[in-house]
């Protein structure tokens, strides 16, 4: 795996590791559930449920990598860049920018 000195260098690599649409969909499901649980915790102040956030977020993403993408999640080597990239990829998906960014990476 390459060494990255900035997030701008890392993000194209991150996208290259997320070519499978089912893997990406599992990331989006996990991210959406993280937001829902976080909002629930904040509104109900039932802090005990915060332990679910990493389980949900990483659980869905890792299933996508192990079962569909067949690669090792970047989380293991680049935990902070990977976490940030997951949210940027989710934002790119929601704003319709992801298809273009994936095409640039693979083309």
N, C-alpha and C. Protein backbone atom coordinates (compact mmCIF):
# COMPACT_ATOMS: atom_id res chain seq x y z
N UNK A 1 0.84 -1.18 0.00
CA UNK A 1 0.00 0.00 0.00
C UNK A 1 0.89 1.24 0.00
N UNK A 2 0.46 2.24 -0.70
CA UNK A 2 1.23 3.49 -0.81
C UNK A 2 1.16 4.27 0.50
N UNK A 3 2.14 5.15 0.66
CA UNK A 3 2.10 6.12 1.75
C UNK A 3 1.51 7.40 1.19
N UNK A 4 0.57 7.96 1.90
CA UNK A 4 -0.10 9.18 1.44
C UNK A 4 0.24 10.31 2.39
N UNK A 5 0.56 11.45 1.81
CA UNK A 5 0.92 12.60 2.64
C UNK A 5 -0.23 13.59 2.80
N UNK A 6 -1.34 13.34 2.10
CA UNK A 6 -2.49 14.23 2.24
C UNK A 6 -3.77 13.46 1.91
N UNK A 7 -4.86 14.00 2.37
CA UNK A 7 -6.15 13.39 2.06
C UNK A 7 -6.44 13.46 0.56
N UNK A 8 -6.03 14.53 -0.08
CA UNK A 8 -6.24 14.68 -1.54
C UNK A 8 -5.54 13.56 -2.31
N UNK A 9 -4.41 13.09 -1.83
CA UNK A 9 -3.73 11.96 -2.45
C UNK A 9 -4.43 10.64 -2.12
N UNK A 10 -4.97 10.55 -0.92
CA UNK A 10 -5.58 9.31 -0.45
C UNK A 10 -6.93 9.02 -1.10
N UNK A 11 -7.75 10.05 -1.29
CA UNK A 11 -9.14 9.83 -1.72
C UNK A 11 -9.25 9.08 -3.06
N UNK A 12 -8.46 9.39 -4.08
CA UNK A 12 -8.54 8.58 -5.31
C UNK A 12 -8.22 7.11 -5.06
N UNK A 13 -7.25 6.85 -4.21
CA UNK A 13 -6.94 5.46 -3.84
C UNK A 13 -8.15 4.81 -3.16
N UNK A 14 -8.76 5.55 -2.23
CA UNK A 14 -9.93 5.05 -1.52
C UNK A 14 -11.04 4.67 -2.50
N UNK A 15 -11.29 5.54 -3.47
CA UNK A 15 -12.32 5.24 -4.47
C UNK A 15 -11.96 4.00 -5.29
N UNK A 16 -10.69 3.81 -5.57
CA UNK A 16 -10.27 2.64 -6.35
C UNK A 16 -10.53 1.34 -5.57
N UNK A 17 -10.60 1.43 -4.26
CA UNK A 17 -10.87 0.28 -3.42
C UNK A 17 -12.36 0.07 -3.18
N UNK A 18 -13.19 0.89 -3.85
CA UNK A 18 -14.65 0.83 -3.69
C UNK A 18 -15.33 0.81 -5.06
N UNK A 19 -14.88 -0.04 -5.94
CA UNK A 19 -15.45 -0.14 -7.28
C UNK A 19 -16.76 -0.94 -7.30
N UNK A 20 -16.92 -1.85 -6.37
CA UNK A 20 -18.11 -2.70 -6.35
C UNK A 20 -19.30 -1.91 -5.79
N UNK A 21 -20.40 -1.81 -6.55
CA UNK A 21 -21.54 -1.03 -6.08
C UNK A 21 -22.21 -1.59 -4.82
N UNK A 22 -22.16 -2.91 -4.62
CA UNK A 22 -22.74 -3.48 -3.40
C UNK A 22 -21.90 -3.09 -2.19
N UNK A 23 -20.60 -3.08 -2.35
CA UNK A 23 -19.72 -2.63 -1.27
C UNK A 23 -20.04 -1.19 -0.90
N UNK A 24 -20.16 -0.34 -1.92
CA UNK A 24 -20.49 1.07 -1.65
C UNK A 24 -21.86 1.19 -0.99
N UNK A 25 -22.83 0.40 -1.45
CA UNK A 25 -24.18 0.45 -0.87
C UNK A 25 -24.14 0.07 0.61
N UNK A 26 -23.34 -0.92 0.94
CA UNK A 26 -23.21 -1.30 2.36
C UNK A 26 -22.58 -0.18 3.17
N UNK A 27 -21.63 0.54 2.59
CA UNK A 27 -21.06 1.72 3.26
C UNK A 27 -22.15 2.75 3.52
N UNK A 28 -22.98 3.01 2.51
CA UNK A 28 -24.03 4.03 2.65
C UNK A 28 -25.06 3.61 3.70
N UNK A 29 -25.40 2.33 3.73
CA UNK A 29 -26.34 1.83 4.73
C UNK A 29 -25.75 2.05 6.13
N UNK A 30 -24.50 1.67 6.30
CA UNK A 30 -23.85 1.87 7.60
C UNK A 30 -23.80 3.33 7.99
N UNK A 31 -23.43 4.20 7.05
CA UNK A 31 -23.35 5.63 7.35
C UNK A 31 -24.71 6.21 7.72
N UNK A 32 -25.74 5.81 6.98
CA UNK A 32 -27.09 6.28 7.27
C UNK A 32 -27.55 5.83 8.65
N UNK A 33 -27.29 4.57 8.97
CA UNK A 33 -27.66 4.06 10.29
C UNK A 33 -26.88 4.76 11.41
N UNK A 34 -25.62 5.08 11.15
CA UNK A 34 -24.83 5.83 12.13
C UNK A 34 -25.48 7.18 12.42
N UNK A 35 -25.91 7.87 11.37
CA UNK A 35 -26.57 9.17 11.56
C UNK A 35 -27.87 9.00 12.34
N UNK A 36 -28.65 7.98 11.99
CA UNK A 36 -29.92 7.75 12.68
C UNK A 36 -29.69 7.44 14.16
N UNK A 37 -28.76 6.56 14.46
CA UNK A 37 -28.48 6.21 15.86
C UNK A 37 -27.93 7.43 16.60
N UNK A 38 -27.04 8.19 15.97
CA UNK A 38 -26.49 9.37 16.62
C UNK A 38 -27.59 10.38 16.94
N UNK A 39 -28.49 10.61 16.00
CA UNK A 39 -29.60 11.53 16.26
C UNK A 39 -30.50 11.00 17.38
N UNK A 40 -30.77 9.71 17.36
CA UNK A 40 -31.57 9.11 18.43
C UNK A 40 -30.91 9.33 19.79
N UNK A 41 -29.62 9.07 19.86
CA UNK A 41 -28.89 9.24 21.12
C UNK A 41 -28.93 10.70 21.57
N UNK A 42 -28.73 11.60 20.64
CA UNK A 42 -28.72 13.02 21.01
C UNK A 42 -30.08 13.50 21.48
N UNK A 43 -31.16 13.04 20.83
CA UNK A 43 -32.49 13.48 21.21
C UNK A 43 -33.01 12.81 22.48
N UNK A 44 -32.64 11.55 22.69
CA UNK A 44 -33.14 10.83 23.86
C UNK A 44 -32.17 10.86 25.03
N UNK A 45 -30.93 11.25 24.76
CA UNK A 45 -29.85 11.27 25.74
C UNK A 45 -29.62 9.89 26.36
N UNK A 46 -29.86 8.87 25.56
CA UNK A 46 -29.57 7.49 25.97
C UNK A 46 -28.18 7.14 25.45
N UNK A 47 -27.17 7.63 26.16
CA UNK A 47 -25.78 7.55 25.73
C UNK A 47 -25.26 6.12 25.58
N UNK A 48 -25.92 5.20 26.21
CA UNK A 48 -25.48 3.80 26.16
C UNK A 48 -25.42 3.27 24.73
N UNK A 49 -26.23 3.84 23.85
CA UNK A 49 -26.29 3.36 22.47
C UNK A 49 -25.13 3.85 21.60
N UNK A 50 -24.27 4.71 22.14
CA UNK A 50 -23.13 5.20 21.35
C UNK A 50 -22.18 4.07 20.94
N UNK A 51 -22.14 3.00 21.72
CA UNK A 51 -21.26 1.88 21.38
C UNK A 51 -21.63 1.27 20.02
N UNK A 52 -22.87 1.47 19.60
CA UNK A 52 -23.31 0.93 18.31
C UNK A 52 -22.67 1.63 17.11
N UNK A 53 -22.26 2.87 17.27
CA UNK A 53 -21.78 3.64 16.13
C UNK A 53 -20.62 2.96 15.38
N UNK A 54 -19.54 2.58 16.04
CA UNK A 54 -18.47 1.91 15.29
C UNK A 54 -18.87 0.53 14.78
N UNK A 55 -19.71 -0.17 15.54
CA UNK A 55 -20.15 -1.50 15.11
C UNK A 55 -20.95 -1.40 13.81
N UNK A 56 -21.87 -0.47 13.77
CA UNK A 56 -22.70 -0.28 12.57
C UNK A 56 -21.85 0.25 11.42
N UNK A 57 -21.12 1.31 11.67
CA UNK A 57 -20.34 1.95 10.61
C UNK A 57 -19.32 1.02 9.99
N UNK A 58 -18.50 0.42 10.83
CA UNK A 58 -17.46 -0.46 10.31
C UNK A 58 -18.01 -1.82 9.91
N UNK A 59 -19.02 -2.30 10.62
CA UNK A 59 -19.57 -3.62 10.31
C UNK A 59 -20.08 -3.73 8.88
N UNK A 60 -20.92 -2.79 8.47
CA UNK A 60 -21.44 -2.82 7.11
C UNK A 60 -20.33 -2.63 6.09
N UNK A 61 -19.42 -1.70 6.35
CA UNK A 61 -18.33 -1.43 5.42
C UNK A 61 -17.43 -2.66 5.26
N UNK A 62 -17.07 -3.28 6.36
CA UNK A 62 -16.16 -4.43 6.28
C UNK A 62 -16.83 -5.62 5.61
N UNK A 63 -18.12 -5.80 5.82
CA UNK A 63 -18.83 -6.86 5.08
C UNK A 63 -18.72 -6.61 3.58
N UNK A 64 -18.88 -5.37 3.18
CA UNK A 64 -18.76 -5.02 1.77
C UNK A 64 -17.40 -5.36 1.20
N UNK A 65 -16.36 -5.09 1.98
CA UNK A 65 -15.01 -5.38 1.49
C UNK A 65 -14.73 -6.87 1.45
N UNK A 66 -15.08 -7.56 2.51
CA UNK A 66 -14.74 -8.99 2.59
C UNK A 66 -15.59 -9.84 1.67
N UNK A 67 -16.88 -9.50 1.50
CA UNK A 67 -17.78 -10.34 0.71
C UNK A 67 -17.92 -9.92 -0.75
N UNK A 68 -17.75 -8.65 -1.04
CA UNK A 68 -18.01 -8.17 -2.40
C UNK A 68 -16.80 -7.55 -3.09
N UNK A 69 -16.06 -6.74 -2.38
CA UNK A 69 -14.91 -6.07 -2.98
C UNK A 69 -13.68 -6.98 -2.96
N UNK A 70 -13.62 -7.87 -2.00
CA UNK A 70 -12.52 -8.83 -1.83
C UNK A 70 -11.16 -8.12 -1.68
N UNK A 71 -11.17 -7.11 -0.83
CA UNK A 71 -9.92 -6.44 -0.49
C UNK A 71 -9.93 -6.09 0.99
N UNK A 72 -8.81 -5.63 1.46
CA UNK A 72 -8.65 -5.28 2.88
C UNK A 72 -9.07 -3.82 3.07
N UNK A 73 -9.98 -3.55 4.00
CA UNK A 73 -10.39 -2.16 4.23
C UNK A 73 -9.20 -1.25 4.55
N UNK A 74 -9.23 -0.05 3.99
CA UNK A 74 -8.16 0.92 4.23
C UNK A 74 -8.09 1.35 5.69
N UNK A 75 -9.15 1.09 6.44
CA UNK A 75 -9.20 1.43 7.86
C UNK A 75 -8.01 0.87 8.62
N UNK A 76 -7.57 -0.31 8.22
CA UNK A 76 -6.51 -0.97 8.97
C UNK A 76 -5.16 -0.25 8.87
N UNK A 77 -4.91 0.41 7.74
CA UNK A 77 -3.64 1.12 7.59
C UNK A 77 -3.80 2.65 7.69
N UNK A 78 -4.94 3.16 7.29
CA UNK A 78 -5.18 4.61 7.30
C UNK A 78 -6.50 4.90 8.00
N UNK A 79 -6.58 4.73 9.31
CA UNK A 79 -7.87 4.84 9.99
C UNK A 79 -8.53 6.21 9.88
N UNK A 80 -7.76 7.28 9.98
CA UNK A 80 -8.37 8.61 9.97
C UNK A 80 -8.74 9.04 8.55
N UNK A 81 -7.83 8.84 7.61
CA UNK A 81 -8.15 9.14 6.21
C UNK A 81 -9.34 8.31 5.74
N UNK A 82 -9.37 7.05 6.13
CA UNK A 82 -10.45 6.16 5.72
C UNK A 82 -11.80 6.62 6.27
N UNK A 83 -11.83 6.99 7.53
CA UNK A 83 -13.07 7.48 8.12
C UNK A 83 -13.55 8.74 7.40
N UNK A 84 -12.63 9.67 7.17
CA UNK A 84 -13.00 10.89 6.45
C UNK A 84 -13.45 10.59 5.03
N UNK A 85 -12.75 9.68 4.36
CA UNK A 85 -13.07 9.35 2.97
C UNK A 85 -14.43 8.69 2.86
N UNK A 86 -14.80 7.91 3.86
CA UNK A 86 -16.12 7.28 3.85
C UNK A 86 -17.21 8.33 3.82
N UNK A 87 -17.05 9.37 4.63
CA UNK A 87 -18.06 10.43 4.66
C UNK A 87 -18.02 11.29 3.40
N UNK A 88 -16.83 11.50 2.84
CA UNK A 88 -16.74 12.25 1.58
C UNK A 88 -17.38 11.44 0.45
N UNK A 89 -17.14 10.13 0.43
CA UNK A 89 -17.76 9.29 -0.60
C UNK A 89 -19.29 9.31 -0.45
N UNK A 90 -19.78 9.27 0.77
CA UNK A 90 -21.23 9.34 1.03
C UNK A 90 -21.78 10.67 0.53
N UNK A 91 -21.07 11.75 0.82
CA UNK A 91 -21.48 13.08 0.34
C UNK A 91 -21.46 13.13 -1.19
N UNK A 92 -20.40 12.57 -1.79
CA UNK A 92 -20.32 12.55 -3.25
C UNK A 92 -21.46 11.75 -3.86
N UNK A 93 -21.83 10.65 -3.22
CA UNK A 93 -22.97 9.84 -3.68
C UNK A 93 -24.26 10.65 -3.59
N UNK A 94 -24.51 11.28 -2.45
CA UNK A 94 -25.75 12.02 -2.24
C UNK A 94 -25.87 13.23 -3.15
N UNK A 95 -24.75 13.83 -3.52
CA UNK A 95 -24.77 15.03 -4.37
C UNK A 95 -24.60 14.71 -5.85
N UNK A 96 -24.51 13.43 -6.19
CA UNK A 96 -24.39 13.03 -7.59
C UNK A 96 -23.01 13.20 -8.19
N UNK A 97 -22.00 13.40 -7.37
CA UNK A 97 -20.64 13.61 -7.87
C UNK A 97 -19.82 12.33 -7.95
N UNK A 98 -20.30 11.27 -7.32
CA UNK A 98 -19.49 10.05 -7.20
C UNK A 98 -19.24 9.37 -8.53
N UNK A 99 -20.25 9.28 -9.36
CA UNK A 99 -20.09 8.58 -10.65
C UNK A 99 -18.95 9.20 -11.45
N UNK A 100 -18.89 10.50 -11.50
CA UNK A 100 -17.83 11.20 -12.23
C UNK A 100 -16.46 10.94 -11.58
N UNK A 101 -16.39 10.98 -10.28
CA UNK A 101 -15.12 10.77 -9.59
C UNK A 101 -14.64 9.32 -9.76
N UNK A 102 -15.56 8.37 -9.76
CA UNK A 102 -15.18 6.98 -10.01
C UNK A 102 -14.69 6.80 -11.44
N UNK A 103 -15.33 7.48 -12.39
CA UNK A 103 -14.92 7.38 -13.80
C UNK A 103 -13.53 7.95 -14.00
N UNK A 104 -13.23 9.04 -13.32
CA UNK A 104 -11.90 9.65 -13.42
C UNK A 104 -10.86 8.70 -12.86
N UNK A 105 -11.20 8.06 -11.75
CA UNK A 105 -10.25 7.15 -11.10
C UNK A 105 -10.00 5.91 -11.95
N UNK A 106 -11.06 5.37 -12.56
CA UNK A 106 -10.89 4.13 -13.30
C UNK A 106 -10.55 4.36 -14.77
N UNK A 107 -10.64 5.59 -15.23
CA UNK A 107 -10.41 5.86 -16.63
C UNK A 107 -9.13 6.47 -16.94
